C-alpha cells in the first residue's frame, strides 16, 4: 500500500494509540481524557496547543517557513452512548460507551500526520490541527465555529475525513457538492386517556394511536416527496406504559429527518405536525410536537474537492480517488466548518474483503488499523501539496 515510509514505520505506534482511545471512549463534551492525550502528544512534538474550544476541543498549530498560507484539518473525538459487543482486548472499558463510528481512528490519523509534519516541516505556511468534540448530536463543530475558530485560527481551506465501510482499503472519495444530508430530530408526545386494559372501549389508547402515527408518517417519503428528491423519516423510539394490564395516558415517539434540499426539509417539517394532528383528531386525542433542525448538509467546495482529489492521487495512484458518488443520508457537523471556510470532507475506505465491513453505529463495529498510515499519509500529502515550498 503506498504510504509515506516514515509514517509506515510508525504504524505499530498508531495502532497502539488508536486502541487506547477505543478502550477509553468519552461522550461529546466529556472528552477530557482524550483531549489531554492529544494535547500532550502535540506539545511533545513542539506543536503549539490551544485548548478549551467547545470545552474539550483543541487546536494544534504548526508553522514552517514564511508563507501566510494556511490549512485546517479536522478530526472528531467523541464516542456513542452504546454498549460494545466485541470481545477483543481493546474493547471499551466503560459500559454504555463505545467508539462505534471510528472517531478514535480519525483522531489517531490526524495525530500521525501531526507527528510526521512536526518532524519534517517540509512545507511553507501554517497547519491547524483541529480536534473537535461532540460530533454525535451535540454539534461541537457548530460550537467551535461560533466561538471564533476561524477568526482565531485563519484557514484558507478546511478538510475532514471519515472512514467508509463500503469502500475498499486504498481508495478515497473527494466529491464536489453535497455529500451528506441535513439532520433534524423530533419528539411527539401523544395524549389519550388511560384505563384498565380489559376495558379499552373506555380509553383513548395512545399505543394504538402511536402505531397509526408511525405508519402515517411513512407516507411523507412514499407519497408526499418527489421520487427524484431524497428524504428519510425514521421513528427510532416508541415509549409507553408501565404495566401489562394498564393502558397509559400518553406515548412518546421520537425520530430523525434527513434531507438534501432546503425545500424538501421545509416540506417535511410542515407535514409532520399536519399528519400527526389529523391522526390524533380522528382518535379523539391530542399531540405536542417538538421539531428541531440539526446539522445542515455538508457541501464540498469544488476547488477544495479538486485539491483533495489531487493529493489522493499523488498518494494512492490514479483511479483510486472517487470524484463522483451519491451523497449519504447521514448527518455530519463538519458542515458548519465548510459553511464558514471553503472545505472538503473525504471518505477513506476501510473494507478488506469481508473484513471491517460492519456498519458504523453497530455494537460490533471496529476501525481498521491498517488504514491509519493511509489516513496520516493522506493528510501529510495534502499539507505538503497545499503549502508547498
Protein backbone atom coordinates (compact mmCIF):
# COMPACT_ATOMS: atom_id res chain seq x y z
CA UNK A 1 0.00 0.00 0.00
CA UNK A 2 1.54 3.36 -1.00
CA UNK A 3 2.11 5.35 2.19
CA UNK A 4 4.87 7.64 3.37
CA UNK A 5 7.71 5.42 4.61
CA UNK A 6 8.27 7.40 7.79
CA UNK A 7 4.59 7.10 8.69
CA UNK A 8 4.53 3.42 7.73
CA UNK A 9 7.30 2.87 10.28
CA UNK A 10 5.01 4.41 12.92
CA UNK A 11 2.14 2.02 12.14
CA UNK A 12 2.54 -0.03 15.36
CA UNK A 13 2.57 3.19 17.36
CA UNK A 14 -0.56 4.48 15.62
CA UNK A 15 -2.33 1.20 16.33
CA UNK A 16 -1.36 1.45 20.00
CA UNK A 17 -2.74 4.99 20.22
CA UNK A 18 -5.98 4.10 18.44
CA UNK A 19 -6.68 1.07 20.58
CA UNK A 20 -6.03 3.04 23.75
CA UNK A 21 -8.60 5.64 22.64
CA UNK A 22 -11.03 2.87 21.71
CA UNK A 23 -10.74 1.31 25.16
CA UNK A 24 -11.46 4.67 26.84
CA UNK A 25 -14.41 6.20 24.94
CA UNK A 26 -15.93 9.51 26.05
CA UNK A 27 -19.22 11.15 25.10
CA UNK A 28 -19.47 14.52 23.42
CA UNK A 29 -18.31 17.49 25.50
CA UNK A 30 -16.89 14.99 28.03
CA UNK A 31 -13.71 14.05 26.13
CA UNK A 32 -11.40 15.13 28.96
CA UNK A 33 -9.01 12.17 28.84
CA UNK A 34 -8.94 12.10 25.04
CA UNK A 35 -8.26 15.84 24.87
CA UNK A 36 -5.45 15.51 27.41
CA UNK A 37 -3.85 12.63 25.50
CA UNK A 38 -3.98 14.60 22.25
CA UNK A 39 -2.66 17.80 23.82
CA UNK A 40 0.29 16.03 25.46
CA UNK A 41 1.33 14.35 22.21
CA UNK A 42 1.08 17.56 20.18
CA UNK A 43 3.08 19.52 22.76
CA UNK A 44 5.76 16.82 22.90
CA UNK A 45 6.35 17.35 19.16
CA UNK A 46 6.74 21.10 19.55
CA UNK A 47 3.27 21.97 18.26
CA UNK A 48 1.54 24.97 19.83
CA UNK A 49 -1.63 23.81 21.61
CA UNK A 50 -4.74 25.88 22.33
CA UNK A 51 -7.34 24.18 24.50
CA UNK A 52 -10.84 24.98 25.68
CA UNK A 53 -12.69 25.43 22.39
CA UNK A 54 -16.18 23.98 22.81
CA UNK A 55 -14.98 22.88 26.24
CA UNK A 56 -12.90 19.83 25.41
CA UNK A 57 -11.85 20.80 21.89
CA UNK A 58 -8.34 21.90 20.97
CA UNK A 59 -6.25 23.16 18.08
CA UNK A 60 -2.61 22.35 17.41
CA UNK A 61 -0.77 24.95 15.32
CA UNK A 62 2.41 24.20 13.39
CA UNK A 63 4.30 26.79 11.34
CA UNK A 64 7.15 26.46 8.89
CA UNK A 65 8.74 28.97 6.54
CA UNK A 66 7.38 32.45 5.90
CA UNK A 67 4.24 31.93 3.79
CA UNK A 68 0.92 33.31 5.02
CA UNK A 69 -0.96 30.36 3.51
CA UNK A 70 -2.84 28.15 5.97
CA UNK A 71 -4.83 24.94 6.07
CA UNK A 72 -7.09 23.35 8.67
CA UNK A 73 -7.58 19.62 9.16
CA UNK A 74 -10.30 18.39 11.49
CA UNK A 75 -10.81 15.13 13.40
CA UNK A 76 -13.69 14.28 15.76
CA UNK A 77 -13.06 12.71 19.17
CA UNK A 78 -16.34 11.62 20.80
CA UNK A 79 -17.98 8.21 21.13
CA UNK A 80 -21.58 6.96 21.08
CA UNK A 81 -23.81 6.01 24.05
CA UNK A 82 -23.73 2.27 23.19
CA UNK A 83 -22.55 -0.89 24.86
CA UNK A 84 -19.86 -2.66 22.84
CA UNK A 85 -20.37 -6.32 21.90
CA UNK A 86 -16.84 -7.05 20.67
CA UNK A 87 -14.53 -9.25 22.73
CA UNK A 88 -11.05 -8.19 21.60
CA UNK A 89 -8.55 -6.87 24.19
CA UNK A 90 -9.05 -3.18 23.30
CA UNK A 91 -12.84 -3.20 23.66
CA UNK A 92 -14.48 -0.40 25.64
CA UNK A 93 -13.78 -0.40 29.36
CA UNK A 94 -16.81 1.83 30.02
CA UNK A 95 -20.28 0.24 29.89
CA UNK A 96 -22.68 2.20 27.72
CA UNK A 97 -19.87 3.97 25.86
CA UNK A 98 -18.34 2.86 22.58
CA UNK A 99 -16.31 4.20 19.68
CA UNK A 100 -18.79 2.80 17.18
CA UNK A 101 -18.19 5.40 14.48
CA UNK A 102 -14.40 5.39 14.16
CA UNK A 103 -13.62 8.73 15.76
CA UNK A 104 -10.79 7.02 17.62
CA UNK A 105 -9.27 6.28 14.21
CA UNK A 106 -9.90 9.77 12.86
CA UNK A 107 -8.12 11.29 15.86
CA UNK A 108 -5.20 8.89 15.50
CA UNK A 109 -4.74 9.55 11.77
CA UNK A 110 -4.51 13.29 12.40
CA UNK A 111 -2.06 12.71 15.26
CA UNK A 112 0.07 10.59 12.94
CA UNK A 113 0.14 13.36 10.35
CA UNK A 114 0.95 15.97 13.02
CA UNK A 115 3.91 13.93 14.27
CA UNK A 116 5.32 13.49 10.77
CA UNK A 117 4.86 17.14 9.78
CA UNK A 118 6.41 18.35 13.05
CA UNK A 119 9.46 16.17 12.40
CA UNK A 120 9.92 17.00 8.71
CA UNK A 121 8.43 20.52 8.29
CA UNK A 122 8.54 20.07 4.54
CA UNK A 123 6.03 22.84 3.93
CA UNK A 124 5.76 26.62 3.92
CA UNK A 125 2.85 28.08 5.88
CA UNK A 126 0.62 27.18 8.82
CA UNK A 127 -1.26 23.99 9.65
CA UNK A 128 -4.06 23.99 12.21
CA UNK A 129 -4.84 20.51 13.54
CA UNK A 130 -8.46 20.79 14.75
CA UNK A 131 -9.55 18.18 17.28
CA UNK A 132 -13.30 18.61 17.66
CA UNK A 133 -15.56 17.30 20.43
CA UNK A 134 -19.19 16.25 20.19
CA UNK A 135 -19.78 15.37 16.54
CA UNK A 136 -22.50 12.94 17.58
CA UNK A 137 -25.60 15.10 18.14
CA UNK A 138 -24.21 17.94 20.29
CA UNK A 139 -22.74 19.91 17.38
CA UNK A 140 -19.21 20.52 18.55
CA UNK A 141 -18.34 21.80 15.07
CA UNK A 142 -21.01 24.48 15.33
CA UNK A 143 -19.84 25.47 18.80
CA UNK A 144 -16.21 25.82 17.69
CA UNK A 145 -17.20 27.99 14.72
CA UNK A 146 -19.46 30.15 16.89
CA UNK A 147 -16.60 30.58 19.37
CA UNK A 148 -14.47 32.09 16.60
CA UNK A 149 -12.47 29.07 15.40
CA UNK A 150 -11.55 30.59 12.05
CA UNK A 151 -11.05 34.09 13.41
CA UNK A 152 -8.52 32.77 15.90
CA UNK A 153 -7.04 30.19 13.52
CA UNK A 154 -7.49 31.52 9.96
CA UNK A 155 -7.58 28.81 7.29
CA UNK A 156 -7.65 29.19 3.52
CA UNK A 157 -9.41 25.83 3.38
CA UNK A 158 -10.52 23.18 5.85
CA UNK A 159 -10.63 19.41 5.39
CA UNK A 160 -12.15 16.48 7.28
CA UNK A 161 -12.44 12.73 6.78
CA UNK A 162 -14.48 9.71 7.79
CA UNK A 163 -13.83 6.00 7.48
CA UNK A 164 -16.08 4.21 4.98
CA UNK A 165 -17.01 0.55 5.45
CA UNK A 166 -18.41 0.42 1.91
CA UNK A 167 -15.12 1.28 0.20
CA UNK A 168 -12.04 -0.94 -0.11
CA UNK A 169 -8.75 -0.08 1.55
CA UNK A 170 -6.65 2.10 -0.72
CA UNK A 171 -9.50 4.24 -2.07
CA UNK A 172 -10.90 7.59 -1.02
CA UNK A 173 -13.68 9.92 -2.15
CA UNK A 174 -13.30 13.61 -2.99
CA UNK A 175 -16.66 14.72 -4.38
CA UNK A 176 -17.73 18.29 -5.12
CA UNK A 177 -21.16 19.38 -3.89
CA UNK A 178 -23.46 17.78 -1.32
CA UNK A 179 -22.01 14.68 0.34
CA UNK A 180 -24.23 14.34 3.42
CA UNK A 181 -27.76 15.25 4.47
CA UNK A 182 -29.36 17.76 6.79
CA UNK A 183 -30.12 16.01 10.08
CA UNK A 184 -33.22 17.09 12.04
CA UNK A 185 -34.92 15.47 15.03
CA UNK A 186 -38.36 15.45 16.57
CA UNK A 187 -40.27 14.30 19.66
CA UNK A 188 -44.01 13.62 19.52
CA UNK A 189 -45.97 13.32 22.76
CA UNK A 190 -49.40 11.76 22.27
CA UNK A 191 -52.06 12.29 24.95
CA UNK A 192 -55.06 9.97 25.15
CA UNK A 193 -56.97 8.61 28.13
CA UNK A 194 -55.66 5.67 30.10
CA UNK A 195 -57.51 2.95 31.90
CA UNK A 196 -57.87 -0.77 32.50
CA UNK A 197 -56.53 -2.93 29.68
CA UNK A 198 -59.67 -5.10 29.97
CA UNK A 199 -61.92 -2.10 29.14
CA UNK A 200 -60.22 -0.44 26.13
CA UNK A 201 -63.57 1.00 24.96
CA UNK A 202 -63.40 3.37 27.93
CA UNK A 203 -59.98 4.69 26.97
CA UNK A 204 -58.26 6.54 24.14
CA UNK A 205 -55.30 4.24 23.65
CA UNK A 206 -52.12 6.18 22.81
CA UNK A 207 -50.31 2.95 21.88
CA UNK A 208 -52.75 2.19 19.08
CA UNK A 209 -52.73 5.86 18.13
CA UNK A 210 -48.94 5.87 18.06
CA UNK A 211 -48.93 2.86 15.77
CA UNK A 212 -51.16 4.75 13.33
CA UNK A 213 -48.87 7.77 13.54
CA UNK A 214 -45.76 5.69 12.80
CA UNK A 215 -47.33 4.27 9.66
CA UNK A 216 -48.85 7.57 8.56
CA UNK A 217 -45.52 9.37 8.77
CA UNK A 218 -44.02 6.89 6.32
CA UNK A 219 -46.31 8.32 3.63
CA UNK A 220 -44.29 11.55 3.71
CA UNK A 221 -41.48 9.85 1.82
CA UNK A 222 -43.61 7.27 -0.02
CA UNK A 223 -46.38 9.58 -1.22
CA UNK A 224 -45.60 13.24 -0.47
CA UNK A 225 -41.99 13.59 -1.63
CA UNK A 226 -40.79 13.75 -5.25
CA UNK A 227 -39.20 10.35 -6.01
CA UNK A 228 -36.22 12.21 -7.50
CA UNK A 229 -35.67 14.08 -4.23
CA UNK A 230 -34.14 12.41 -1.20
CA UNK A 231 -35.75 12.20 2.22
CA UNK A 232 -35.75 9.89 5.22
CA UNK A 233 -38.25 9.89 8.10
CA UNK A 234 -37.29 7.34 10.74
CA UNK A 235 -39.07 6.69 14.04
CA UNK A 236 -36.36 5.43 16.36
CA UNK A 237 -38.11 5.44 19.75
CA UNK A 238 -41.62 4.48 20.93
CA UNK A 239 -42.19 4.59 24.68
CA UNK A 240 -45.47 4.00 26.50
CA UNK A 241 -46.90 2.31 29.56
CA UNK A 242 -45.58 0.72 32.71
CA UNK A 243 -47.69 -2.43 33.25
CA UNK A 244 -49.17 -5.23 31.14
CA UNK A 245 -52.73 -4.54 32.25
CA UNK A 246 -52.78 -0.74 32.10
CA UNK A 247 -53.48 1.39 29.03
CA UNK A 248 -51.38 4.52 29.57
CA UNK A 249 -52.41 8.13 29.19
CA UNK A 250 -49.50 9.07 26.95
CA UNK A 251 -47.00 7.73 24.45
CA UNK A 252 -43.79 9.27 23.16
CA UNK A 253 -42.34 8.88 19.69
CA UNK A 254 -39.06 10.34 18.51
CA UNK A 255 -37.02 10.12 15.38
CA UNK A 256 -34.99 11.84 12.72
CA UNK A 257 -35.50 13.51 9.35
CA UNK A 258 -32.77 13.55 6.68
CA UNK A 259 -32.97 15.70 3.55
CA UNK A 260 -30.63 17.09 0.91
CA UNK A 261 -32.67 20.04 -0.42
CA UNK A 262 -33.86 23.00 1.69
CA UNK A 263 -37.32 22.95 0.09
CA UNK A 264 -37.76 19.26 0.97
CA UNK A 265 -36.61 19.93 4.52
CA UNK A 266 -39.22 22.71 4.81
CA UNK A 267 -41.99 20.48 3.45
CA UNK A 268 -41.23 17.55 5.76
CA UNK A 269 -41.19 19.88 8.77
CA UNK A 270 -44.62 21.20 7.69
CA UNK A 271 -46.13 17.76 7.02
CA UNK A 272 -45.19 16.04 10.30
CA UNK A 273 -47.49 18.13 12.56
CA UNK A 274 -50.20 18.14 9.89
CA UNK A 275 -50.29 14.34 9.73
CA UNK A 276 -49.88 13.81 13.48
CA UNK A 277 -52.62 16.27 14.43
CA UNK A 278 -55.04 14.87 11.84
CA UNK A 279 -54.43 11.33 13.07
CA UNK A 280 -54.95 12.41 16.68
CA UNK A 281 -58.18 14.20 15.80
CA UNK A 282 -59.53 11.02 14.23
CA UNK A 283 -58.94 9.19 17.54
CA UNK A 284 -60.03 11.97 19.91
CA UNK A 285 -56.51 12.57 21.19
CA UNK A 286 -54.01 15.43 21.13
CA UNK A 287 -50.31 15.81 20.43
CA UNK A 288 -47.36 18.02 21.23
CA UNK A 289 -44.61 18.12 18.61
CA UNK A 290 -41.08 19.37 19.23
CA UNK A 291 -39.20 19.63 15.92
CA UNK A 292 -35.59 20.80 15.96
CA UNK A 293 -33.38 21.41 12.97
CA UNK A 294 -29.96 19.88 13.32
CA UNK A 295 -26.84 19.77 11.19
CA UNK A 296 -27.05 21.28 7.70
CA UNK A 297 -25.79 19.25 4.72
CA UNK A 298 -22.06 19.02 4.09
CA UNK A 299 -21.43 20.77 0.77
CA UNK A 300 -17.89 20.35 -0.52
CA UNK A 301 -16.33 23.34 -2.25
CA UNK A 302 -15.45 22.40 -5.86
CA UNK A 303 -11.91 23.79 -5.71
CA UNK A 304 -11.20 22.23 -2.31
CA UNK A 305 -12.53 18.88 -3.59
CA UNK A 306 -10.24 19.07 -6.62
CA UNK A 307 -7.24 19.76 -4.39
CA UNK A 308 -8.24 16.88 -2.09
CA UNK A 309 -8.53 14.56 -5.09
CA UNK A 310 -5.10 15.53 -6.44
CA UNK A 311 -3.49 14.76 -3.08
CA UNK A 312 -5.25 11.38 -3.03
CA UNK A 313 -3.97 10.54 -6.50
CA UNK A 314 -0.42 11.53 -5.54
CA UNK A 315 -0.54 9.14 -2.61
CA UNK A 316 -2.70 6.24 -3.83
CA UNK A 317 -2.41 6.47 -7.61
CA UNK A 318 -4.76 7.28 -10.46
CA UNK A 319 -8.13 5.57 -10.32
CA UNK A 320 -8.08 5.31 -6.52
CA UNK A 321 -10.00 8.55 -5.91
CA UNK A 322 -13.76 8.61 -6.46
CA UNK A 323 -14.76 12.07 -7.70
CA UNK A 324 -18.42 11.14 -8.11
CA UNK A 325 -20.55 9.32 -5.56
CA UNK A 326 -24.13 9.74 -4.32
CA UNK A 327 -24.40 11.60 -1.02
CA UNK A 328 -25.06 9.72 2.20
CA UNK A 329 -28.17 10.49 4.23
CA UNK A 330 -26.08 10.54 7.39
CA UNK A 331 -25.52 13.83 9.22
CA UNK A 332 -22.11 15.39 9.90
CA UNK A 333 -21.31 18.62 11.72
CA UNK A 334 -18.23 19.29 9.61
CA UNK A 335 -20.95 21.11 7.64
CA UNK A 336 -20.60 24.16 9.92
CA UNK A 337 -16.88 24.42 9.17
CA UNK A 338 -17.46 24.00 5.43
CA UNK A 339 -20.03 26.82 5.58
CA UNK A 340 -17.51 29.15 7.22
CA UNK A 341 -14.44 28.28 5.11
CA UNK A 342 -14.15 26.51 1.71
CA UNK A 343 -13.86 22.87 2.67
CA UNK A 344 -13.92 19.26 1.58
CA UNK A 345 -14.97 16.16 3.51
CA UNK A 346 -13.42 12.95 2.18
CA UNK A 347 -14.10 9.31 2.94
CA UNK A 348 -11.34 6.73 3.39
CA UNK A 349 -12.10 3.11 2.52
CA UNK A 350 -11.54 0.53 5.27
CA UNK A 351 -13.05 -2.72 3.90
CA UNK A 352 -10.74 -5.68 3.25
CA UNK A 353 -12.73 -8.41 1.54
CA UNK A 354 -15.38 -9.39 4.09
CA UNK A 355 -13.47 -7.83 6.97
CA UNK A 356 -14.16 -4.41 8.52
CA UNK A 357 -17.48 -4.05 6.71
CA UNK A 358 -19.66 -3.86 9.83
CA UNK A 359 -21.54 -0.60 9.63
CA UNK A 360 -20.77 2.28 11.95
CA UNK A 361 -23.15 2.76 14.89
CA UNK A 362 -23.25 -1.02 15.34
CA UNK A 363 -22.18 -2.67 18.65
CA UNK A 364 -19.68 -4.90 16.78
CA UNK A 365 -18.07 -2.16 14.69
CA UNK A 366 -14.30 -1.67 14.84
CA UNK A 367 -11.95 0.64 12.97
CA UNK A 368 -9.44 -0.98 10.61
CA UNK A 369 -5.99 -0.16 11.98
CA UNK A 370 -4.45 -0.93 8.58
CA UNK A 371 -5.74 2.37 7.24
CA UNK A 372 -4.17 4.50 9.98
CA UNK A 373 -0.93 5.02 7.98
CA UNK A 374 -3.02 5.73 4.87
CA UNK A 375 -5.04 8.45 6.56
CA UNK A 376 -1.99 10.01 8.21
CA UNK A 377 -0.08 9.90 4.91
CA UNK A 378 -3.02 11.44 3.10
CA UNK A 379 -3.16 14.41 5.47
CA UNK A 380 0.61 14.87 5.25
CA UNK A 381 0.49 14.72 1.45
CA UNK A 382 -2.35 17.25 1.35
CA UNK A 383 -0.44 19.68 3.59
CA UNK A 384 2.78 19.35 1.60
CA UNK A 385 0.81 19.89 -1.61
CA UNK A 386 -1.18 22.90 -0.42
CA UNK A 387 1.72 24.54 1.42
CA UNK A 388 4.46 23.51 -1.00
CA UNK A 389 7.78 25.29 -0.62
